[in-house]
Amino acid sequence: MDGGKCMRLDGFGLFVKDMGNMIRFYRDVLGFEIKESEDVSNMYLIKDDALFMLYGRKDFENMTSRKYEYVKVMNGHSEMALYVDTFDEVDAEFKNAVDNGAVPVLEPTTEPWGTEDLLYC
């Protein structure tokens, strides 16, 4: 890069259909600390030095003066990795998330590369 400057990843944005539902998921199901009310149109969330920018889909369309296409049934636009130390902790966190309202897409499975993956919607 010119002049020794480098670019670093600061965060990523998610375009959400229902901000209140997303806030409840990250706060109540995953336990993220969120102070904003459920009726905000945009939200910045920092978790373990990663910045999440949640934008209401309609608000982003208005801001950019464009229309976008979105998945209609199940949102498959992104994946987030959350770390725990052991496979037993994966199972416990999975149970906790489901008990708090997460809808599983895939039960925890140990993958050939050594991680245990689980998906929620």
PDB file of N, CA and C in Angstrom:
ATOM      1  N   MET A   1       0.835  -1.175   0.000  1.00  0.00           N
ATOM      2  CA  MET A   1       0.000   0.000   0.000  1.00  0.00           C
ATOM      3  C   MET A   1       0.883   1.242   0.000  1.00  0.00           C
ATOM      4  N   ASP A   2       0.387   2.293  -0.541  1.00  0.00           N
ATOM      5  CA  ASP A   2       1.121   3.542  -0.666  1.00  0.00           C
ATOM      6  C   ASP A   2       1.399   4.173   0.690  1.00  0.00           C
ATOM      7  N   GLY A   3       2.656   4.571   0.925  1.00  0.00           N
ATOM      8  CA  GLY A   3       3.007   5.279   2.139  1.00  0.00           C
ATOM      9  C   GLY A   3       2.945   4.440   3.409  1.00  0.00           C
ATOM     10  N   GLY A   4       2.937   3.131   3.292  1.00  0.00           N
ATOM     11  CA  GLY A   4       2.920   2.279   4.469  1.00  0.00           C
ATOM     12  C   GLY A   4       1.552   2.169   5.138  1.00  0.00           C
ATOM     13  N   LYS A   5       0.536   2.755   4.544  1.00  0.00           N
ATOM     14  CA  LYS A   5      -0.808   2.667   5.125  1.00  0.00           C
ATOM     15  C   LYS A   5      -1.409   1.306   4.787  1.00  0.00           C
ATOM     16  N   CYS A   6      -2.201   0.806   5.680  1.00  0.00           N
ATOM     17  CA  CYS A   6      -2.892  -0.437   5.372  1.00  0.00           C
ATOM     18  C   CYS A   6      -4.349  -0.316   5.814  1.00  0.00           C
ATOM     19  N   MET A   7      -5.161  -1.058   5.147  1.00  0.00           N
ATOM     20  CA  MET A   7      -6.576  -1.074   5.458  1.00  0.00           C
ATOM     21  C   MET A   7      -6.848  -2.260   6.371  1.00  0.00           C
ATOM     22  N   ARG A   8      -7.698  -2.060   7.369  1.00  0.00           N
ATOM     23  CA  ARG A   8      -8.062  -3.172   8.240  1.00  0.00           C
ATOM     24  C   ARG A   8      -9.576  -3.283   8.273  1.00  0.00           C
ATOM     25  N   LEU A   9     -10.053  -4.461   8.487  1.00  0.00           N
ATOM     26  CA  LEU A   9     -11.485  -4.684   8.595  1.00  0.00           C
ATOM     27  C   LEU A   9     -11.958  -4.129   9.928  1.00  0.00           C
ATOM     28  N   ASP A  10     -12.958  -3.281   9.883  1.00  0.00           N
ATOM     29  CA  ASP A  10     -13.481  -2.670  11.102  1.00  0.00           C
ATOM     30  C   ASP A  10     -14.794  -3.309  11.529  1.00  0.00           C
ATOM     31  N   GLY A  11     -15.568  -3.774  10.576  1.00  0.00           N
ATOM     32  CA  GLY A  11     -16.853  -4.375  10.903  1.00  0.00           C
ATOM     33  C   GLY A  11     -17.591  -4.743   9.641  1.00  0.00           C
ATOM     34  N   PHE A  12     -18.831  -5.151   9.797  1.00  0.00           N
ATOM     35  CA  PHE A  12     -19.648  -5.469   8.640  1.00  0.00           C
ATOM     36  C   PHE A  12     -21.096  -5.149   8.946  1.00  0.00           C
ATOM     37  N   GLY A  13     -21.857  -4.911   7.886  1.00  0.00           N
ATOM     38  CA  GLY A  13     -23.253  -4.527   8.040  1.00  0.00           C
ATOM     39  C   GLY A  13     -24.204  -5.653   7.694  1.00  0.00           C
ATOM     40  N   LEU A  14     -25.295  -5.682   8.399  1.00  0.00           N
ATOM     41  CA  LEU A  14     -26.386  -6.608   8.125  1.00  0.00           C
ATOM     42  C   LEU A  14     -27.631  -5.784   7.826  1.00  0.00           C
ATOM     43  N   PHE A  15     -28.336  -6.136   6.772  1.00  0.00           N
ATOM     44  CA  PHE A  15     -29.557  -5.433   6.406  1.00  0.00           C
ATOM     45  C   PHE A  15     -30.730  -6.257   6.911  1.00  0.00           C
ATOM     46  N   VAL A  16     -31.447  -5.734   7.887  1.00  0.00           N
ATOM     47  CA  VAL A  16     -32.445  -6.530   8.592  1.00  0.00           C
ATOM     48  C   VAL A  16     -33.857  -6.082   8.261  1.00  0.00           C
ATOM     49  N   LYS A  17     -34.738  -7.049   8.196  1.00  0.00           N
ATOM     50  CA  LYS A  17     -36.145  -6.799   7.896  1.00  0.00           C
ATOM     51  C   LYS A  17     -36.885  -6.309   9.138  1.00  0.00           C
ATOM     52  N   ASP A  18     -36.572  -6.889  10.289  1.00  0.00           N
ATOM     53  CA  ASP A  18     -37.283  -6.579  11.532  1.00  0.00           C
ATOM     54  C   ASP A  18     -36.247  -6.276  12.619  1.00  0.00           C
ATOM     55  N   MET A  19     -35.950  -4.997  12.825  1.00  0.00           N
ATOM     56  CA  MET A  19     -34.902  -4.593  13.756  1.00  0.00           C
ATOM     57  C   MET A  19     -35.194  -5.066  15.180  1.00  0.00           C
ATOM     58  N   GLY A  20     -36.429  -4.940  15.626  1.00  0.00           N
ATOM     59  CA  GLY A  20     -36.773  -5.377  16.972  1.00  0.00           C
ATOM     60  C   GLY A  20     -36.475  -6.850  17.186  1.00  0.00           C
ATOM     61  N   ASN A  21     -36.817  -7.671  16.208  1.00  0.00           N
ATOM     62  CA  ASN A  21     -36.558  -9.106  16.287  1.00  0.00           C
ATOM     63  C   ASN A  21     -35.055  -9.388  16.327  1.00  0.00           C
ATOM     64  N   MET A  22     -34.277  -8.669  15.516  1.00  0.00           N
ATOM     65  CA  MET A  22     -32.829  -8.864  15.507  1.00  0.00           C
ATOM     66  C   MET A  22     -32.212  -8.437  16.833  1.00  0.00           C
ATOM     67  N   ILE A  23     -32.659  -7.315  17.378  1.00  0.00           N
ATOM     68  CA  ILE A  23     -32.141  -6.859  18.671  1.00  0.00           C
ATOM     69  C   ILE A  23     -32.446  -7.885  19.756  1.00  0.00           C
ATOM     70  N   ARG A  24     -33.674  -8.395  19.771  1.00  0.00           N
ATOM     71  CA  ARG A  24     -34.030  -9.409  20.771  1.00  0.00           C
ATOM     72  C   ARG A  24     -33.182 -10.666  20.599  1.00  0.00           C
ATOM     73  N   PHE A  25     -32.897 -11.062  19.349  1.00  0.00           N
ATOM     74  CA  PHE A  25     -32.070 -12.253  19.109  1.00  0.00           C
ATOM     75  C   PHE A  25     -30.665 -12.051  19.661  1.00  0.00           C
ATOM     76  N   TYR A  26     -30.000 -10.966  19.275  1.00  0.00           N
ATOM     77  CA  TYR A  26     -28.626 -10.737  19.728  1.00  0.00           C
ATOM     78  C   TYR A  26     -28.566 -10.482  21.232  1.00  0.00           C
ATOM     79  N   ARG A  27     -29.552  -9.791  21.784  1.00  0.00           N
ATOM     80  CA  ARG A  27     -29.547  -9.463  23.208  1.00  0.00           C
ATOM     81  C   ARG A  27     -30.029 -10.631  24.055  1.00  0.00           C
ATOM     82  N   ASP A  28     -31.213 -11.156  23.766  1.00  0.00           N
ATOM     83  CA  ASP A  28     -31.859 -12.142  24.629  1.00  0.00           C
ATOM     84  C   ASP A  28     -31.400 -13.576  24.374  1.00  0.00           C
ATOM     85  N   VAL A  29     -31.103 -13.906  23.129  1.00  0.00           N
ATOM     86  CA  VAL A  29     -30.721 -15.275  22.792  1.00  0.00           C
ATOM     87  C   VAL A  29     -29.206 -15.460  22.890  1.00  0.00           C
ATOM     88  N   LEU A  30     -28.440 -14.539  22.272  1.00  0.00           N
ATOM     89  CA  LEU A  30     -26.984 -14.689  22.281  1.00  0.00           C
ATOM     90  C   LEU A  30     -26.310 -13.958  23.433  1.00  0.00           C
ATOM     91  N   GLY A  31     -27.045 -13.113  24.151  1.00  0.00           N
ATOM     92  CA  GLY A  31     -26.500 -12.458  25.325  1.00  0.00           C
ATOM     93  C   GLY A  31     -25.607 -11.261  25.049  1.00  0.00           C
ATOM     94  N   PHE A  32     -25.701 -10.657  23.863  1.00  0.00           N
ATOM     95  CA  PHE A  32     -24.915  -9.462  23.560  1.00  0.00           C
ATOM     96  C   PHE A  32     -25.463  -8.290  24.355  1.00  0.00           C
ATOM     97  N   GLU A  33     -24.592  -7.400  24.779  1.00  0.00           N
ATOM     98  CA  GLU A  33     -25.021  -6.212  25.509  1.00  0.00           C
ATOM     99  C   GLU A  33     -25.511  -5.167  24.512  1.00  0.00           C
ATOM    100  N   ILE A  34     -26.804  -4.906  24.541  1.00  0.00           N
ATOM    101  CA  ILE A  34     -27.423  -3.927  23.639  1.00  0.00           C
ATOM    102  C   ILE A  34     -28.261  -2.991  24.475  1.00  0.00           C
ATOM    103  N   LYS A  35     -28.030  -1.711  24.325  1.00  0.00           N
ATOM    104  CA  LYS A  35     -28.759  -0.717  25.100  1.00  0.00           C
ATOM    105  C   LYS A  35     -29.841  -0.010  24.280  1.00  0.00           C
ATOM    106  N   GLU A  36     -29.761  -0.081  22.939  1.00  0.00           N
ATOM    107  CA  GLU A  36     -30.714   0.609  22.091  1.00  0.00           C
ATOM    108  C   GLU A  36     -32.111   0.013  22.237  1.00  0.00           C
ATOM    109  N   SER A  37     -33.108   0.845  21.986  1.00  0.00           N
ATOM    110  CA  SER A  37     -34.476   0.354  22.006  1.00  0.00           C
ATOM    111  C   SER A  37     -34.744  -0.438  20.735  1.00  0.00           C
ATOM    112  N   GLU A  38     -35.791  -1.224  20.755  1.00  0.00           N
ATOM    113  CA  GLU A  38     -36.103  -2.099  19.628  1.00  0.00           C
ATOM    114  C   GLU A  38     -36.670  -1.359  18.429  1.00  0.00           C
ATOM    115  N   ASP A  39     -36.947  -0.069  18.553  1.00  0.00           N
ATOM    116  CA  ASP A  39     -37.549   0.670  17.430  1.00  0.00           C
ATOM    117  C   ASP A  39     -36.546   1.541  16.666  1.00  0.00           C
ATOM    118  N   VAL A  40     -35.233   1.337  16.895  1.00  0.00           N
ATOM    119  CA  VAL A  40     -34.233   2.109  16.154  1.00  0.00           C
ATOM    120  C   VAL A  40     -34.187   1.621  14.710  1.00  0.00           C
ATOM    121  N   SER A  41     -33.733   2.496  13.806  1.00  0.00           N
ATOM    122  CA  SER A  41     -33.634   2.078  12.406  1.00  0.00           C
ATOM    123  C   SER A  41     -32.234   1.586  12.059  1.00  0.00           C
ATOM    124  N   ASN A  42     -31.221   2.038  12.789  1.00  0.00           N
ATOM    125  CA  ASN A  42     -29.842   1.591  12.594  1.00  0.00           C
ATOM    126  C   ASN A  42     -29.214   1.366  13.956  1.00  0.00           C
ATOM    127  N   MET A  43     -28.314   0.390  14.032  1.00  0.00           N
ATOM    128  CA  MET A  43     -27.691   0.103  15.312  1.00  0.00           C
ATOM    129  C   MET A  43     -26.249  -0.340  15.096  1.00  0.00           C
ATOM    130  N   TYR A  44     -25.343   0.184  15.919  1.00  0.00           N
ATOM    131  CA  TYR A  44     -23.961  -0.274  15.939  1.00  0.00           C
ATOM    132  C   TYR A  44     -23.786  -1.130  17.179  1.00  0.00           C
ATOM    133  N   LEU A  45     -23.174  -2.276  17.010  1.00  0.00           N
ATOM    134  CA  LEU A  45     -22.960  -3.210  18.107  1.00  0.00           C
ATOM    135  C   LEU A  45     -21.508  -3.660  18.047  1.00  0.00           C
ATOM    136  N   ILE A  46     -20.782  -3.498  19.129  1.00  0.00           N
ATOM    137  CA  ILE A  46     -19.410  -3.981  19.200  1.00  0.00           C
ATOM    138  C   ILE A  46     -19.377  -5.182  20.131  1.00  0.00           C
ATOM    139  N   LYS A  47     -18.866  -6.276  19.610  1.00  0.00           N
ATOM    140  CA  LYS A  47     -18.748  -7.511  20.381  1.00  0.00           C
ATOM    141  C   LYS A  47     -17.348  -8.055  20.163  1.00  0.00           C
ATOM    142  N   ASP A  48     -16.553  -8.144  21.214  1.00  0.00           N
ATOM    143  CA  ASP A  48     -15.193  -8.681  21.129  1.00  0.00           C
ATOM    144  C   ASP A  48     -14.393  -7.989  20.029  1.00  0.00           C
ATOM    145  N   ASP A  49     -14.459  -6.670  19.991  1.00  0.00           N
ATOM    146  CA  ASP A  49     -13.740  -5.821  19.030  1.00  0.00           C
ATOM    147  C   ASP A  49     -14.226  -5.947  17.593  1.00  0.00           C
ATOM    148  N   ALA A  50     -15.328  -6.623  17.355  1.00  0.00           N
ATOM    149  CA  ALA A  50     -15.914  -6.692  16.015  1.00  0.00           C
ATOM    150  C   ALA A  50     -17.133  -5.775  15.978  1.00  0.00           C
ATOM    151  N   LEU A  51     -17.212  -4.958  14.961  1.00  0.00           N
ATOM    152  CA  LEU A  51     -18.319  -4.020  14.805  1.00  0.00           C
ATOM    153  C   LEU A  51     -19.379  -4.620  13.894  1.00  0.00           C
ATOM    154  N   PHE A  52     -20.591  -4.667  14.398  1.00  0.00           N
ATOM    155  CA  PHE A  52     -21.746  -5.069  13.614  1.00  0.00           C
ATOM    156  C   PHE A  52     -22.574  -3.810  13.374  1.00  0.00           C
ATOM    157  N   MET A  53     -22.922  -3.558  12.134  1.00  0.00           N
ATOM    158  CA  MET A  53     -23.784  -2.427  11.812  1.00  0.00           C
ATOM    159  C   MET A  53     -25.088  -3.008  11.284  1.00  0.00           C
ATOM    160  N   LEU A  54     -26.159  -2.832  12.010  1.00  0.00           N
ATOM    161  CA  LEU A  54     -27.446  -3.333  11.585  1.00  0.00           C
ATOM    162  C   LEU A  54     -28.240  -2.167  11.013  1.00  0.00           C
ATOM    163  N   TYR A  55     -28.693  -2.341   9.784  1.00  0.00           N
ATOM    164  CA  TYR A  55     -29.477  -1.324   9.093  1.00  0.00           C
ATOM    165  C   TYR A  55     -30.841  -1.903   8.749  1.00  0.00           C
ATOM    166  N   GLY A  56     -31.880  -1.139   8.988  1.00  0.00           N
ATOM    167  CA  GLY A  56     -33.186  -1.533   8.495  1.00  0.00           C
ATOM    168  C   GLY A  56     -33.150  -1.536   6.979  1.00  0.00           C
ATOM    169  N   ARG A  57     -33.674  -2.574   6.358  1.00  0.00           N
ATOM    170  CA  ARG A  57     -33.622  -2.679   4.893  1.00  0.00           C
ATOM    171  C   ARG A  57     -34.251  -1.463   4.218  1.00  0.00           C
ATOM    172  N   LYS A  58     -35.434  -1.098   4.639  1.00  0.00           N
ATOM    173  CA  LYS A  58     -36.127   0.050   4.024  1.00  0.00           C
ATOM    174  C   LYS A  58     -35.342   1.337   4.254  1.00  0.00           C
ATOM    175  N   ASP A  59     -34.771   1.507   5.434  1.00  0.00           N
ATOM    176  CA  ASP A  59     -33.985   2.704   5.724  1.00  0.00           C
ATOM    177  C   ASP A  59     -32.760   2.785   4.819  1.00  0.00           C
ATOM    178  N   PHE A  60     -32.095   1.639   4.587  1.00  0.00           N
ATOM    179  CA  PHE A  60     -30.922   1.630   3.724  1.00  0.00           C
ATOM    180  C   PHE A  60     -31.318   1.925   2.281  1.00  0.00           C
ATOM    181  N   GLU A  61     -32.452   1.374   1.844  1.00  0.00           N
ATOM    182  CA  GLU A  61     -32.936   1.669   0.494  1.00  0.00           C
ATOM    183  C   GLU A  61     -33.229   3.156   0.342  1.00  0.00           C
ATOM    184  N   ASN A  62     -33.847   3.754   1.360  1.00  0.00           N
ATOM    185  CA  ASN A  62     -34.116   5.186   1.305  1.00  0.00           C
ATOM    186  C   ASN A  62     -32.820   5.990   1.277  1.00  0.00           C
ATOM    187  N   MET A  63     -31.834   5.584   2.076  1.00  0.00           N
ATOM    188  CA  MET A  63     -30.573   6.295   2.150  1.00  0.00           C
ATOM    189  C   MET A  63     -29.829   6.255   0.813  1.00  0.00           C
ATOM    190  N   THR A  64     -29.882   5.108   0.115  1.00  0.00           N
ATOM    191  CA  THR A  64     -29.135   4.942  -1.126  1.00  0.00           C
ATOM    192  C   THR A  64     -29.981   5.196  -2.368  1.00  0.00           C
ATOM    193  N   SER A  65     -31.269   5.453  -2.174  1.00  0.00           N
ATOM    194  CA  SER A  65     -32.202   5.684  -3.299  1.00  0.00           C
ATOM    195  C   SER A  65     -32.197   4.524  -4.290  1.00  0.00           C
ATOM    196  N   ARG A  66     -32.150   3.316  -3.755  1.00  0.00           N
ATOM    197  CA  ARG A  66     -32.166   2.102  -4.579  1.00  0.00           C
ATOM    198  C   ARG A  66     -33.027   1.037  -3.921  1.00  0.00           C
ATOM    199  N   LYS A  67     -33.473   0.090  -4.723  1.00  0.00           N
ATOM    200  CA  LYS A  67     -34.175  -1.090  -4.230  1.00  0.00           C
ATOM    201  C   LYS A  67     -33.223  -2.274  -4.316  1.00  0.00           C
ATOM    202  N   TYR A  68     -33.328  -3.208  -3.366  1.00  0.00           N
ATOM    203  CA  TYR A  68     -32.463  -4.378  -3.326  1.00  0.00           C
ATOM    204  C   TYR A  68     -33.315  -5.640  -3.245  1.00  0.00           C
ATOM    205  N   GLU A  69     -32.738  -6.754  -3.645  1.00  0.00           N
ATOM    206  CA  GLU A  69     -33.379  -8.057  -3.543  1.00  0.00           C
ATOM    207  C   GLU A  69     -32.891  -8.742  -2.280  1.00  0.00           C
ATOM    208  N   TYR A  70     -33.794  -9.405  -1.569  1.00  0.00           N
ATOM    209  CA  TYR A  70     -33.445 -10.116  -0.344  1.00  0.00           C
ATOM    210  C   TYR A  70     -34.042 -11.518  -0.387  1.00  0.00           C
ATOM    211  N   VAL A  71     -33.445 -12.424   0.347  1.00  0.00           N
ATOM    212  CA  VAL A  71     -33.984 -13.769   0.478  1.00  0.00           C
ATOM    213  C   VAL A  71     -35.360 -13.650   1.117  1.00  0.00           C
ATOM    214  N   LYS A  72     -36.331 -14.378   0.605  1.00  0.00           N
ATOM    215  CA  LYS A  72     -37.713 -14.238   1.073  1.00  0.00           C
ATOM    216  C   LYS A  72     -38.056 -15.150   2.262  1.00  0.00           C
ATOM    217  N   VAL A  73     -37.513 -16.350   2.318  1.00  0.00           N
ATOM    218  CA  VAL A  73     -37.947 -17.305   3.325  1.00  0.00           C
ATOM    219  C   VAL A  73     -36.985 -17.365   4.508  1.00  0.00           C
ATOM    220  N   MET A  74     -35.771 -17.822   4.283  1.00  0.00           N
ATOM    221  CA  MET A  74     -34.785 -17.930   5.354  1.00  0.00           C
ATOM    222  C   MET A  74     -33.569 -17.123   4.932  1.00  0.00           C
ATOM    223  N   ASN A  75     -33.088 -16.293   5.830  1.00  0.00           N
ATOM    224  CA  ASN A  75     -31.976 -15.424   5.491  1.00  0.00           C
ATOM    225  C   ASN A  75     -30.686 -16.215   5.473  1.00  0.00           C
ATOM    226  N   GLY A  76     -30.086 -16.344   4.294  1.00  0.00           N
ATOM    227  CA  GLY A  76     -28.837 -17.060   4.152  1.00  0.00           C
ATOM    228  C   GLY A  76     -27.732 -16.170   3.620  1.00  0.00           C
ATOM    229  N   HIS A  77     -27.763 -14.899   3.963  1.00  0.00           N
ATOM    230  CA  HIS A  77     -26.787 -13.956   3.429  1.00  0.00           C
ATOM    231  C   HIS A  77     -25.459 -13.942   4.167  1.00  0.00           C
ATOM    232  N   SER A  78     -25.412 -14.431   5.374  1.00  0.00           N
ATOM    233  CA  SER A  78     -24.167 -14.316   6.125  1.00  0.00           C
ATOM    234  C   SER A  78     -24.077 -15.429   7.168  1.00  0.00           C
ATOM    235  N   GLU A  79     -22.884 -15.565   7.717  1.00  0.00           N
ATOM    236  CA  GLU A  79     -22.644 -16.518   8.802  1.00  0.00           C
ATOM    237  C   GLU A  79     -21.758 -15.817   9.817  1.00  0.00           C
ATOM    238  N   MET A  80     -21.973 -16.091  11.075  1.00  0.00           N
ATOM    239  CA  MET A  80     -21.175 -15.509  12.147  1.00  0.00           C
ATOM    240  C   MET A  80     -20.564 -16.652  12.954  1.00  0.00           C
ATOM    241  N   ALA A  81     -19.295 -16.546  13.277  1.00  0.00           N
ATOM    242  CA  ALA A  81     -18.624 -17.550  14.095  1.00  0.00           C
ATOM    243  C   ALA A  81     -18.519 -17.029  15.521  1.00  0.00           C
ATOM    244  N   LEU A  82     -18.990 -17.807  16.473  1.00  0.00           N
ATOM    245  CA  LEU A  82     -18.884 -17.488  17.892  1.00  0.00           C
ATOM    246  C   LEU A  82     -18.037 -18.574  18.549  1.00  0.00           C
ATOM    247  N   TYR A  83     -17.096 -18.163  19.370  1.00  0.00           N
ATOM    248  CA  TYR A  83     -16.121 -19.102  19.931  1.00  0.00           C
ATOM    249  C   TYR A  83     -16.482 -19.535  21.349  1.00  0.00           C
ATOM    250  N   VAL A  84     -16.301 -20.825  21.611  1.00  0.00           N
ATOM    251  CA  VAL A  84     -16.275 -21.390  22.962  1.00  0.00           C
ATOM    252  C   VAL A  84     -15.116 -22.388  22.989  1.00  0.00           C
ATOM    253  N   ASP A  85     -14.693 -22.805  24.171  1.00  0.00           N
ATOM    254  CA  ASP A  85     -13.492 -23.639  24.296  1.00  0.00           C
ATOM    255  C   ASP A  85     -13.689 -25.112  23.942  1.00  0.00           C
ATOM    256  N   THR A  86     -14.882 -25.656  24.226  1.00  0.00           N
ATOM    257  CA  THR A  86     -15.050 -27.108  24.073  1.00  0.00           C
ATOM    258  C   THR A  86     -16.326 -27.438  23.315  1.00  0.00           C
ATOM    259  N   PHE A  87     -16.374 -28.680  22.799  1.00  0.00           N
ATOM    260  CA  PHE A  87     -17.593 -29.142  22.133  1.00  0.00           C
ATOM    261  C   PHE A  87     -18.761 -29.196  23.111  1.00  0.00           C
ATOM    262  N   ASP A  88     -18.493 -29.541  24.385  1.00  0.00           N
ATOM    263  CA  ASP A  88     -19.565 -29.558  25.395  1.00  0.00           C
ATOM    264  C   ASP A  88     -20.173 -28.169  25.557  1.00  0.00           C
ATOM    265  N   GLU A  89     -19.321 -27.122  25.489  1.00  0.00           N
ATOM    266  CA  GLU A  89     -19.832 -25.757  25.579  1.00  0.00           C
ATOM    267  C   GLU A  89     -20.675 -25.399  24.360  1.00  0.00           C
ATOM    268  N   VAL A  90     -20.316 -25.935  23.188  1.00  0.00           N
ATOM    269  CA  VAL A  90     -21.140 -25.718  21.994  1.00  0.00           C
ATOM    270  C   VAL A  90     -22.535 -26.260  22.257  1.00  0.00           C
ATOM    271  N   ASP A  91     -22.596 -27.491  22.762  1.00  0.00           N
ATOM    272  CA  ASP A  91     -23.898 -28.109  23.033  1.00  0.00           C
ATOM    273  C   ASP A  91     -24.688 -27.314  24.065  1.00  0.00           C
ATOM    274  N   ALA A  92     -24.019 -26.825  25.119  1.00  0.00           N
ATOM    275  CA  ALA A  92     -24.701 -26.047  26.157  1.00  0.00           C
ATOM    276  C   ALA A  92     -25.200 -24.712  25.597  1.00  0.00           C
ATOM    277  N   GLU A  93     -24.373 -24.041  24.792  1.00  0.00           N
ATOM    278  CA  GLU A  93     -24.789 -22.760  24.204  1.00  0.00           C
ATOM    279  C   GLU A  93     -25.920 -22.962  23.205  1.00  0.00           C
ATOM    280  N   PHE A  94     -25.871 -24.067  22.458  1.00  0.00           N
ATOM    281  CA  PHE A  94     -26.949 -24.382  21.527  1.00  0.00           C
ATOM    282  C   PHE A  94     -28.264 -24.553  22.280  1.00  0.00           C
ATOM    283  N   LYS A  95     -28.233 -25.339  23.343  1.00  0.00           N
ATOM    284  CA  LYS A  95     -29.441 -25.546  24.149  1.00  0.00           C
ATOM    285  C   LYS A  95     -29.946 -24.227  24.717  1.00  0.00           C
ATOM    286  N   ASN A  96     -29.047 -23.414  25.234  1.00  0.00           N
ATOM    287  CA  ASN A  96     -29.427 -22.119  25.793  1.00  0.00           C
ATOM    288  C   ASN A  96     -30.078 -21.234  24.733  1.00  0.00           C
ATOM    289  N   ALA A  97     -29.499 -21.199  23.548  1.00  0.00           N
ATOM    290  CA  ALA A  97     -30.051 -20.361  22.477  1.00  0.00           C
ATOM    291  C   ALA A  97     -31.445 -20.837  22.079  1.00  0.00           C
ATOM    292  N   VAL A  98     -31.608 -22.147  21.907  1.00  0.00           N
ATOM    293  CA  VAL A  98     -32.920 -22.691  21.535  1.00  0.00           C
ATOM    294  C   VAL A  98     -33.927 -22.454  22.649  1.00  0.00           C
ATOM    295  N   ASP A  99     -33.497 -22.647  23.906  1.00  0.00           N
ATOM    296  CA  ASP A  99     -34.388 -22.395  25.044  1.00  0.00           C
ATOM    297  C   ASP A  99     -34.827 -20.937  25.108  1.00  0.00           C
ATOM    298  N   ASN A 100     -34.015 -20.038  24.536  1.00  0.00           N
ATOM    299  CA  ASN A 100     -34.340 -18.612  24.551  1.00  0.00           C
ATOM    300  C   ASN A 100     -34.941 -18.116  23.242  1.00  0.00           C
ATOM    301  N   GLY A 101     -35.343 -19.042  22.375  1.00  0.00           N
ATOM    302  CA  GLY A 101     -36.098 -18.640  21.201  1.00  0.00           C
ATOM    303  C   GLY A 101     -35.431 -18.785  19.860  1.00  0.00           C
ATOM    304  N   ALA A 102     -34.155 -19.164  19.789  1.00  0.00           N
ATOM    305  CA  ALA A 102     -33.513 -19.365  18.490  1.00  0.00           C
ATOM    306  C   ALA A 102     -34.148 -20.561  17.788  1.00  0.00           C
ATOM    307  N   VAL A 103     -34.280 -20.466  16.487  1.00  0.00           N
ATOM    308  CA  VAL A 103     -34.802 -21.566  15.693  1.00  0.00           C
ATOM    309  C   VAL A 103     -33.619 -22.220  14.994  1.00  0.00           C
ATOM    310  N   PRO A 104     -33.305 -23.482  15.336  1.00  0.00           N
ATOM    311  CA  PRO A 104     -32.129 -24.110  14.729  1.00  0.00           C
ATOM    312  C   PRO A 104     -32.354 -24.429  13.257  1.00  0.00           C
ATOM    313  N   VAL A 105     -31.325 -24.191  12.462  1.00  0.00           N
ATOM    314  CA  VAL A 105     -31.310 -24.582  11.065  1.00  0.00           C
ATOM    315  C   VAL A 105     -30.603 -25.928  10.948  1.00  0.00           C
ATOM    316  N   LEU A 106     -29.597 -26.126  11.798  1.00  0.00           N
ATOM    317  CA  LEU A 106     -28.797 -27.348  11.810  1.00  0.00           C
ATOM    318  C   LEU A 106     -28.371 -27.611  13.242  1.00  0.00           C
ATOM    319  N   GLU A 107     -28.564 -28.835  13.705  1.00  0.00           N
ATOM    320  CA  GLU A 107     -28.092 -29.214  15.037  1.00  0.00           C
ATOM    321  C   GLU A 107     -26.562 -29.164  15.047  1.00  0.00           C
ATOM    322  N   PRO A 108     -25.936 -29.030  16.219  1.00  0.00           N
ATOM    323  CA  PRO A 108     -24.470 -29.033  16.257  1.00  0.00           C
ATOM    324  C   PRO A 108     -23.903 -30.305  15.637  1.00  0.00           C
ATOM    325  N   THR A 109     -22.925 -30.135  14.759  1.00  0.00           N
ATOM    326  CA  THR A 109     -22.260 -31.254  14.109  1.00  0.00           C
ATOM    327  C   THR A 109     -20.753 -31.010  14.117  1.00  0.00           C
ATOM    328  N   THR A 110     -19.994 -32.057  14.362  1.00  0.00           N
ATOM    329  CA  THR A 110     -18.541 -31.944  14.302  1.00  0.00           C
ATOM    330  C   THR A 110     -18.127 -32.122  12.844  1.00  0.00           C
ATOM    331  N   GLU A 111     -17.440 -31.109  12.318  1.00  0.00           N
ATOM    332  CA  GLU A 111     -17.036 -31.111  10.919  1.00  0.00           C
ATOM    333  C   GLU A 111     -15.660 -31.759  10.756  1.00  0.00           C
ATOM    334  N   PRO A 112     -15.330 -32.250   9.556  1.00  0.00           N
ATOM    335  CA  PRO A 112     -14.034 -32.919   9.334  1.00  0.00           C
ATOM    336  C   PRO A 112     -12.835 -32.027   9.656  1.00  0.00           C
ATOM    337  N   TRP A 113     -12.984 -30.719   9.575  1.00  0.00           N
ATOM    338  CA  TRP A 113     -11.863 -29.820   9.852  1.00  0.00           C
ATOM    339  C   TRP A 113     -11.733 -29.514  11.339  1.00  0.00           C
ATOM    340  N   GLY A 114     -12.592 -30.135  12.193  1.00  0.00           N
ATOM    341  CA  GLY A 114     -12.387 -30.060  13.631  1.00  0.00           C
ATOM    342  C   GLY A 114     -13.246 -29.074  14.380  1.00  0.00           C
ATOM    343  N   THR A 115     -14.120 -28.371  13.711  1.00  0.00           N
ATOM    344  CA  THR A 115     -14.999 -27.456  14.435  1.00  0.00           C
ATOM    345  C   THR A 115     -16.375 -28.067  14.550  1.00  0.00           C
ATOM    346  N   GLU A 116     -17.109 -27.575  15.517  1.00  0.00           N
ATOM    347  CA  GLU A 116     -18.493 -28.000  15.671  1.00  0.00           C
ATOM    348  C   GLU A 116     -19.356 -26.828  15.251  1.00  0.00           C
ATOM    349  N   ASP A 117     -20.100 -27.000  14.170  1.00  0.00           N
ATOM    350  CA  ASP A 117     -20.901 -25.933  13.607  1.00  0.00           C
ATOM    351  C   ASP A 117     -22.350 -26.079  14.001  1.00  0.00           C
ATOM    352  N   LEU A 118     -22.996 -24.936  14.218  1.00  0.00           N
ATOM    353  CA  LEU A 118     -24.426 -24.915  14.442  1.00  0.00           C
ATOM    354  C   LEU A 118     -24.980 -23.658  13.814  1.00  0.00           C
ATOM    355  N   LEU A 119     -26.200 -23.737  13.352  1.00  0.00           N
ATOM    356  CA  LEU A 119     -26.805 -22.610  12.661  1.00  0.00           C
ATOM    357  C   LEU A 119     -28.147 -22.284  13.274  1.00  0.00           C
ATOM    358  N   TYR A 120     -28.440 -20.979  13.347  1.00  0.00           N
ATOM    359  CA  TYR A 120     -29.744 -20.492  13.804  1.00  0.00           C
ATOM    360  C   TYR A 120     -30.338 -19.628  12.721  1.00  0.00           C
ATOM    361  N   CYS A 121     -31.638 -19.438  12.801  1.00  0.00           N
ATOM    362  CA  CYS A 121     -32.239 -18.419  11.953  1.00  0.00           C
ATOM    363  C   CYS A 121     -32.939 -17.428  12.845  1.00  0.00           C
TER     364      CYS A 121
END
